[in-house]
């Protein structure tokens, strides 16, 4: 995968199943991801790659952009969000707690990290797309290919995982480097998430 277009085409090659939804089969969401990645490539300064777990049904599954939601584009005054907002298409606005915590944290930071997930598709219980489930080990291993491709495209200086699945995927993808662990902000993890992020954004 030599460029963003090839990266997205590869994402679109995966069919949805009774336990996995591929948001990038929706053309608008694939285009939203393109807008996001192209904007990230233009950012100057220290590059940071943060690897989460998987798209959530109220967040990335709707927007196509990791660690985002329609609500953050509407309510959070962040220069990067404002820059790409005009170019993305959303069929509905939902609020996702994790996305809100992440972008509120970044509101006063000079660096905008690149977000991705250990598994790029939405894992859910069988035939229930309005719930989330944790990605399986096999799904995390599948995600290694995409993570390595992003690393080649963006060449980040720092790679960290948000949550156990994010760390595991990054460790599998890059066994030669030390991957920092950041607590996922969900289920009462907000304060530990902030502490972990502060070690990256010093």
C-alpha atoms as a PDB file:
ATOM      1  CA  UNK A   1       0.000   0.000   0.000  1.00  0.00           C
ATOM      2  CA  UNK A   2       1.964   2.936  -1.350  1.00  0.00           C
ATOM      3  CA  UNK A   3      -0.561   5.766  -0.965  1.00  0.00           C
ATOM      4  CA  UNK A   4      -3.830   6.746   0.677  1.00  0.00           C
ATOM      5  CA  UNK A   5      -5.983   5.707  -2.280  1.00  0.00           C
ATOM      6  CA  UNK A   6      -4.500   2.217  -2.274  1.00  0.00           C
ATOM      7  CA  UNK A   7      -4.900   2.036   1.500  1.00  0.00           C
ATOM      8  CA  UNK A   8      -8.597   2.862   1.259  1.00  0.00           C
ATOM      9  CA  UNK A   9      -9.160   0.434  -1.616  1.00  0.00           C
ATOM     10  CA  UNK A  10      -7.672  -2.310   0.529  1.00  0.00           C
ATOM     11  CA  UNK A  11     -10.009  -1.379   3.393  1.00  0.00           C
ATOM     12  CA  UNK A  12     -12.957  -1.621   1.003  1.00  0.00           C
ATOM     13  CA  UNK A  13     -12.025  -5.158  -0.054  1.00  0.00           C
ATOM     14  CA  UNK A  14     -13.411  -6.598   3.206  1.00  0.00           C
ATOM     15  CA  UNK A  15     -17.071  -7.607   3.129  1.00  0.00           C
ATOM     16  CA  UNK A  16     -19.329  -7.082   6.110  1.00  0.00           C
ATOM     17  CA  UNK A  17     -20.342 -10.197   8.043  1.00  0.00           C
ATOM     18  CA  UNK A  18     -22.923 -10.974  10.765  1.00  0.00           C
ATOM     19  CA  UNK A  19     -20.318  -9.895  13.375  1.00  0.00           C
ATOM     20  CA  UNK A  20     -18.339  -7.206  11.517  1.00  0.00           C
ATOM     21  CA  UNK A  21     -19.496  -4.074   9.687  1.00  0.00           C
ATOM     22  CA  UNK A  22     -17.195  -2.377   7.195  1.00  0.00           C
ATOM     23  CA  UNK A  23     -18.027   1.351   7.214  1.00  0.00           C
ATOM     24  CA  UNK A  24     -15.750   1.955   4.217  1.00  0.00           C
ATOM     25  CA  UNK A  25     -18.137   0.154   1.903  1.00  0.00           C
ATOM     26  CA  UNK A  26     -20.141   3.394   2.171  1.00  0.00           C
ATOM     27  CA  UNK A  27     -18.539   5.763  -0.340  1.00  0.00           C
ATOM     28  CA  UNK A  28     -19.081   8.898   1.767  1.00  0.00           C
ATOM     29  CA  UNK A  29     -17.306   7.318   4.729  1.00  0.00           C
ATOM     30  CA  UNK A  30     -14.401   6.157   2.589  1.00  0.00           C
ATOM     31  CA  UNK A  31     -14.129   9.715   1.296  1.00  0.00           C
ATOM     32  CA  UNK A  32     -14.290  11.102   4.854  1.00  0.00           C
ATOM     33  CA  UNK A  33     -11.337   8.904   5.736  1.00  0.00           C
ATOM     34  CA  UNK A  34      -9.456  10.155   2.693  1.00  0.00           C
ATOM     35  CA  UNK A  35     -10.061  13.762   3.747  1.00  0.00           C
ATOM     36  CA  UNK A  36      -8.826  12.964   7.259  1.00  0.00           C
ATOM     37  CA  UNK A  37      -5.676  11.134   6.175  1.00  0.00           C
ATOM     38  CA  UNK A  38      -4.749  13.720   3.554  1.00  0.00           C
ATOM     39  CA  UNK A  39      -5.156  16.503   6.123  1.00  0.00           C
ATOM     40  CA  UNK A  40      -3.023  14.569   8.609  1.00  0.00           C
ATOM     41  CA  UNK A  41      -0.241  14.217   6.035  1.00  0.00           C
ATOM     42  CA  UNK A  42      -0.038  18.004   5.777  1.00  0.00           C
ATOM     43  CA  UNK A  43       0.475  18.548   9.506  1.00  0.00           C
ATOM     44  CA  UNK A  44       3.948  19.779  10.386  1.00  0.00           C
ATOM     45  CA  UNK A  45       5.940  18.955  13.501  1.00  0.00           C
ATOM     46  CA  UNK A  46       6.191  15.830  15.647  1.00  0.00           C
ATOM     47  CA  UNK A  47       4.060  13.000  14.340  1.00  0.00           C
ATOM     48  CA  UNK A  48       2.298  10.767  16.830  1.00  0.00           C
ATOM     49  CA  UNK A  49       0.310   7.629  15.999  1.00  0.00           C
ATOM     50  CA  UNK A  50      -2.259   6.554  18.594  1.00  0.00           C
ATOM     51  CA  UNK A  51      -3.809   3.120  18.120  1.00  0.00           C
ATOM     52  CA  UNK A  52      -7.217   2.470  19.626  1.00  0.00           C
ATOM     53  CA  UNK A  53      -9.324  -0.679  19.685  1.00  0.00           C
ATOM     54  CA  UNK A  54     -12.043  -0.591  17.004  1.00  0.00           C
ATOM     55  CA  UNK A  55     -14.687   1.717  15.511  1.00  0.00           C
ATOM     56  CA  UNK A  56     -17.698   2.291  17.736  1.00  0.00           C
ATOM     57  CA  UNK A  57     -21.257   2.227  16.448  1.00  0.00           C
ATOM     58  CA  UNK A  58     -21.882   5.851  17.444  1.00  0.00           C
ATOM     59  CA  UNK A  59     -18.503   7.118  16.303  1.00  0.00           C
ATOM     60  CA  UNK A  60     -16.151   5.913  13.587  1.00  0.00           C
ATOM     61  CA  UNK A  61     -18.779   3.582  12.139  1.00  0.00           C
ATOM     62  CA  UNK A  62     -20.812   6.712  11.274  1.00  0.00           C
ATOM     63  CA  UNK A  63     -17.996   9.115  10.401  1.00  0.00           C
ATOM     64  CA  UNK A  64     -15.346   6.803   8.923  1.00  0.00           C
ATOM     65  CA  UNK A  65     -12.742   8.659  11.003  1.00  0.00           C
ATOM     66  CA  UNK A  66     -11.202   6.965  14.056  1.00  0.00           C
ATOM     67  CA  UNK A  67     -11.899   8.550  17.459  1.00  0.00           C
ATOM     68  CA  UNK A  68     -14.491  10.936  16.102  1.00  0.00           C
ATOM     69  CA  UNK A  69     -18.236  11.448  16.138  1.00  0.00           C
ATOM     70  CA  UNK A  70     -20.676  13.797  14.508  1.00  0.00           C
ATOM     71  CA  UNK A  71     -21.020  15.591  17.825  1.00  0.00           C
ATOM     72  CA  UNK A  72     -17.327  16.498  18.129  1.00  0.00           C
ATOM     73  CA  UNK A  73     -17.466  18.186  14.723  1.00  0.00           C
ATOM     74  CA  UNK A  74     -20.460  20.206  15.907  1.00  0.00           C
ATOM     75  CA  UNK A  75     -19.394  21.126  19.435  1.00  0.00           C
ATOM     76  CA  UNK A  76     -15.602  21.089  19.878  1.00  0.00           C
ATOM     77  CA  UNK A  77     -13.579  24.076  18.736  1.00  0.00           C
ATOM     78  CA  UNK A  78     -10.431  22.382  17.511  1.00  0.00           C
ATOM     79  CA  UNK A  79      -8.581  23.829  14.477  1.00  0.00           C
ATOM     80  CA  UNK A  80      -8.133  20.445  12.824  1.00  0.00           C
ATOM     81  CA  UNK A  81     -11.798  19.486  13.196  1.00  0.00           C
ATOM     82  CA  UNK A  82     -12.868  22.861  11.840  1.00  0.00           C
ATOM     83  CA  UNK A  83     -10.491  22.482   8.898  1.00  0.00           C
ATOM     84  CA  UNK A  84     -11.954  19.199   7.666  1.00  0.00           C
ATOM     85  CA  UNK A  85     -15.562  19.693   8.783  1.00  0.00           C
ATOM     86  CA  UNK A  86     -16.598  21.378   5.515  1.00  0.00           C
ATOM     87  CA  UNK A  87     -15.324  18.444   3.479  1.00  0.00           C
ATOM     88  CA  UNK A  88     -16.873  15.515   5.320  1.00  0.00           C
ATOM     89  CA  UNK A  89     -20.365  14.080   4.931  1.00  0.00           C
ATOM     90  CA  UNK A  90     -22.448  12.698   7.784  1.00  0.00           C
ATOM     91  CA  UNK A  91     -25.925  11.240   7.491  1.00  0.00           C
ATOM     92  CA  UNK A  92     -26.589  11.771  11.196  1.00  0.00           C
ATOM     93  CA  UNK A  93     -25.064  13.279  14.321  1.00  0.00           C
ATOM     94  CA  UNK A  94     -24.354  11.059  17.307  1.00  0.00           C
ATOM     95  CA  UNK A  95     -22.424  11.699  20.499  1.00  0.00           C
ATOM     96  CA  UNK A  96     -19.742   9.228  21.542  1.00  0.00           C
ATOM     97  CA  UNK A  97     -18.176   9.707  24.949  1.00  0.00           C
ATOM     98  CA  UNK A  98     -14.696   8.496  24.012  1.00  0.00           C
ATOM     99  CA  UNK A  99     -14.437  10.840  21.028  1.00  0.00           C
ATOM    100  CA  UNK A 100     -15.586  13.783  23.150  1.00  0.00           C
ATOM    101  CA  UNK A 101     -13.021  13.079  25.896  1.00  0.00           C
ATOM    102  CA  UNK A 102     -10.201  12.706  23.368  1.00  0.00           C
ATOM    103  CA  UNK A 103     -10.872  15.907  21.444  1.00  0.00           C
ATOM    104  CA  UNK A 104     -11.528  17.980  24.555  1.00  0.00           C
ATOM    105  CA  UNK A 105      -8.124  16.857  25.788  1.00  0.00           C
ATOM    106  CA  UNK A 106      -6.542  17.905  22.482  1.00  0.00           C
ATOM    107  CA  UNK A 107      -8.253  21.300  22.419  1.00  0.00           C
ATOM    108  CA  UNK A 108      -5.248  23.173  23.833  1.00  0.00           C
ATOM    109  CA  UNK A 109      -2.492  20.962  22.414  1.00  0.00           C
ATOM    110  CA  UNK A 110      -0.257  22.108  19.569  1.00  0.00           C
ATOM    111  CA  UNK A 111       0.121  18.601  18.138  1.00  0.00           C
ATOM    112  CA  UNK A 112      -2.703  16.666  16.516  1.00  0.00           C
ATOM    113  CA  UNK A 113      -2.013  12.913  16.544  1.00  0.00           C
ATOM    114  CA  UNK A 114      -2.993  10.449  13.871  1.00  0.00           C
ATOM    115  CA  UNK A 115      -5.630   8.059  15.210  1.00  0.00           C
ATOM    116  CA  UNK A 116      -6.167   4.507  14.011  1.00  0.00           C
ATOM    117  CA  UNK A 117      -7.567   1.271  15.436  1.00  0.00           C
ATOM    118  CA  UNK A 118      -6.225  -2.227  16.039  1.00  0.00           C
ATOM    119  CA  UNK A 119      -9.115  -3.500  13.904  1.00  0.00           C
ATOM    120  CA  UNK A 120     -10.323  -0.997  11.292  1.00  0.00           C
ATOM    121  CA  UNK A 121     -13.890  -2.334  11.066  1.00  0.00           C
ATOM    122  CA  UNK A 122     -16.792  -2.298  13.524  1.00  0.00           C
ATOM    123  CA  UNK A 123     -16.973  -5.538  15.545  1.00  0.00           C
ATOM    124  CA  UNK A 124     -20.386  -6.218  17.038  1.00  0.00           C
ATOM    125  CA  UNK A 125     -22.461  -9.071  18.480  1.00  0.00           C
ATOM    126  CA  UNK A 126     -24.033 -11.292  15.861  1.00  0.00           C
ATOM    127  CA  UNK A 127     -26.618  -9.400  13.795  1.00  0.00           C
ATOM    128  CA  UNK A 128     -26.629  -6.416  16.184  1.00  0.00           C
ATOM    129  CA  UNK A 129     -24.877  -3.443  14.576  1.00  0.00           C
ATOM    130  CA  UNK A 130     -26.004  -1.085  17.345  1.00  0.00           C
ATOM    131  CA  UNK A 131     -23.627  -2.555  19.896  1.00  0.00           C
ATOM    132  CA  UNK A 132     -19.870  -2.865  20.175  1.00  0.00           C
ATOM    133  CA  UNK A 133     -17.736  -5.837  21.073  1.00  0.00           C
ATOM    134  CA  UNK A 134     -14.004  -6.104  21.654  1.00  0.00           C
ATOM    135  CA  UNK A 135     -11.968  -7.214  18.636  1.00  0.00           C
ATOM    136  CA  UNK A 136     -10.764 -10.806  18.758  1.00  0.00           C
ATOM    137  CA  UNK A 137      -7.089 -11.761  18.636  1.00  0.00           C
ATOM    138  CA  UNK A 138      -7.516 -12.824  15.020  1.00  0.00           C
ATOM    139  CA  UNK A 139      -9.061  -9.449  14.163  1.00  0.00           C
ATOM    140  CA  UNK A 140      -6.223  -7.622  15.915  1.00  0.00           C
ATOM    141  CA  UNK A 141      -3.723  -9.671  13.917  1.00  0.00           C
ATOM    142  CA  UNK A 142      -5.608  -8.752  10.738  1.00  0.00           C
ATOM    143  CA  UNK A 143      -5.249  -5.099  11.696  1.00  0.00           C
ATOM    144  CA  UNK A 144      -1.444  -5.315  11.773  1.00  0.00           C
ATOM    145  CA  UNK A 145      -1.280  -5.003   7.966  1.00  0.00           C
ATOM    146  CA  UNK A 146      -3.126  -1.673   8.003  1.00  0.00           C
ATOM    147  CA  UNK A 147      -1.132  -0.327  10.920  1.00  0.00           C
ATOM    148  CA  UNK A 148       2.159  -1.091   9.181  1.00  0.00           C
ATOM    149  CA  UNK A 149       0.871   0.584   6.019  1.00  0.00           C
ATOM    150  CA  UNK A 150      -0.029   3.745   7.946  1.00  0.00           C
ATOM    151  CA  UNK A 151       3.388   3.724   9.564  1.00  0.00           C
ATOM    152  CA  UNK A 152       4.986   3.692   6.109  1.00  0.00           C
ATOM    153  CA  UNK A 153       2.793   6.554   4.923  1.00  0.00           C
ATOM    154  CA  UNK A 154       3.122   8.815   7.972  1.00  0.00           C
ATOM    155  CA  UNK A 155       6.417   7.776   9.573  1.00  0.00           C
ATOM    156  CA  UNK A 156       5.426   8.768  13.133  1.00  0.00           C
ATOM    157  CA  UNK A 157       8.068   9.483  15.765  1.00  0.00           C
ATOM    158  CA  UNK A 158       5.932   8.092  18.599  1.00  0.00           C
ATOM    159  CA  UNK A 159       3.513   5.136  18.569  1.00  0.00           C
ATOM    160  CA  UNK A 160       1.254   4.457  21.545  1.00  0.00           C
ATOM    161  CA  UNK A 161      -1.774   2.275  22.184  1.00  0.00           C
ATOM    162  CA  UNK A 162      -5.027   3.438  23.748  1.00  0.00           C
ATOM    163  CA  UNK A 163      -6.411   0.356  25.459  1.00  0.00           C
ATOM    164  CA  UNK A 164      -5.098  -3.198  25.483  1.00  0.00           C
ATOM    165  CA  UNK A 165      -6.069  -4.065  21.908  1.00  0.00           C
ATOM    166  CA  UNK A 166      -4.343  -0.953  20.565  1.00  0.00           C
ATOM    167  CA  UNK A 167      -1.147  -1.790  22.428  1.00  0.00           C
ATOM    168  CA  UNK A 168      -1.269  -5.428  21.327  1.00  0.00           C
ATOM    169  CA  UNK A 169      -1.688  -4.555  17.664  1.00  0.00           C
ATOM    170  CA  UNK A 170       1.144  -2.017  17.780  1.00  0.00           C
ATOM    171  CA  UNK A 171       3.425  -4.525  19.533  1.00  0.00           C
ATOM    172  CA  UNK A 172       2.674  -7.142  16.885  1.00  0.00           C
ATOM    173  CA  UNK A 173       3.240  -4.628  14.095  1.00  0.00           C
ATOM    174  CA  UNK A 174       6.413  -3.110  15.538  1.00  0.00           C
ATOM    175  CA  UNK A 175       8.138  -5.621  17.850  1.00  0.00           C
ATOM    176  CA  UNK A 176      11.369  -3.661  17.653  1.00  0.00           C
ATOM    177  CA  UNK A 177      10.027  -0.558  19.415  1.00  0.00           C
ATOM    178  CA  UNK A 178       8.585   0.173  22.840  1.00  0.00           C
ATOM    179  CA  UNK A 179       4.872   0.904  22.581  1.00  0.00           C
ATOM    180  CA  UNK A 180       3.504   3.140  25.322  1.00  0.00           C
ATOM    181  CA  UNK A 181       0.224   2.112  26.975  1.00  0.00           C
ATOM    182  CA  UNK A 182      -2.511   4.696  27.521  1.00  0.00           C
ATOM    183  CA  UNK A 183      -5.635   3.755  29.472  1.00  0.00           C
ATOM    184  CA  UNK A 184      -8.775   3.825  27.359  1.00  0.00           C
ATOM    185  CA  UNK A 185     -11.065   6.631  28.608  1.00  0.00           C
ATOM    186  CA  UNK A 186     -14.220   4.493  28.671  1.00  0.00           C
ATOM    187  CA  UNK A 187     -15.638   2.786  31.770  1.00  0.00           C
ATOM    188  CA  UNK A 188     -14.236   5.314  34.235  1.00  0.00           C
ATOM    189  CA  UNK A 189     -10.795   5.549  32.680  1.00  0.00           C
ATOM    190  CA  UNK A 190     -10.834   9.273  31.878  1.00  0.00           C
ATOM    191  CA  UNK A 191      -8.331  10.424  34.512  1.00  0.00           C
ATOM    192  CA  UNK A 192      -5.866   7.641  33.752  1.00  0.00           C
ATOM    193  CA  UNK A 193      -6.291   8.363  30.046  1.00  0.00           C
ATOM    194  CA  UNK A 194      -5.350  11.998  30.650  1.00  0.00           C
ATOM    195  CA  UNK A 195      -2.317  10.980  32.706  1.00  0.00           C
ATOM    196  CA  UNK A 196      -1.181   8.646  29.938  1.00  0.00           C
ATOM    197  CA  UNK A 197      -1.702  11.258  27.235  1.00  0.00           C
ATOM    198  CA  UNK A 198       0.279  13.767  29.283  1.00  0.00           C
ATOM    199  CA  UNK A 199       3.327  11.492  29.027  1.00  0.00           C
ATOM    200  CA  UNK A 200       3.095  11.740  25.217  1.00  0.00           C
ATOM    201  CA  UNK A 201       2.141  15.392  24.954  1.00  0.00           C
ATOM    202  CA  UNK A 202       4.777  16.839  27.278  1.00  0.00           C
END
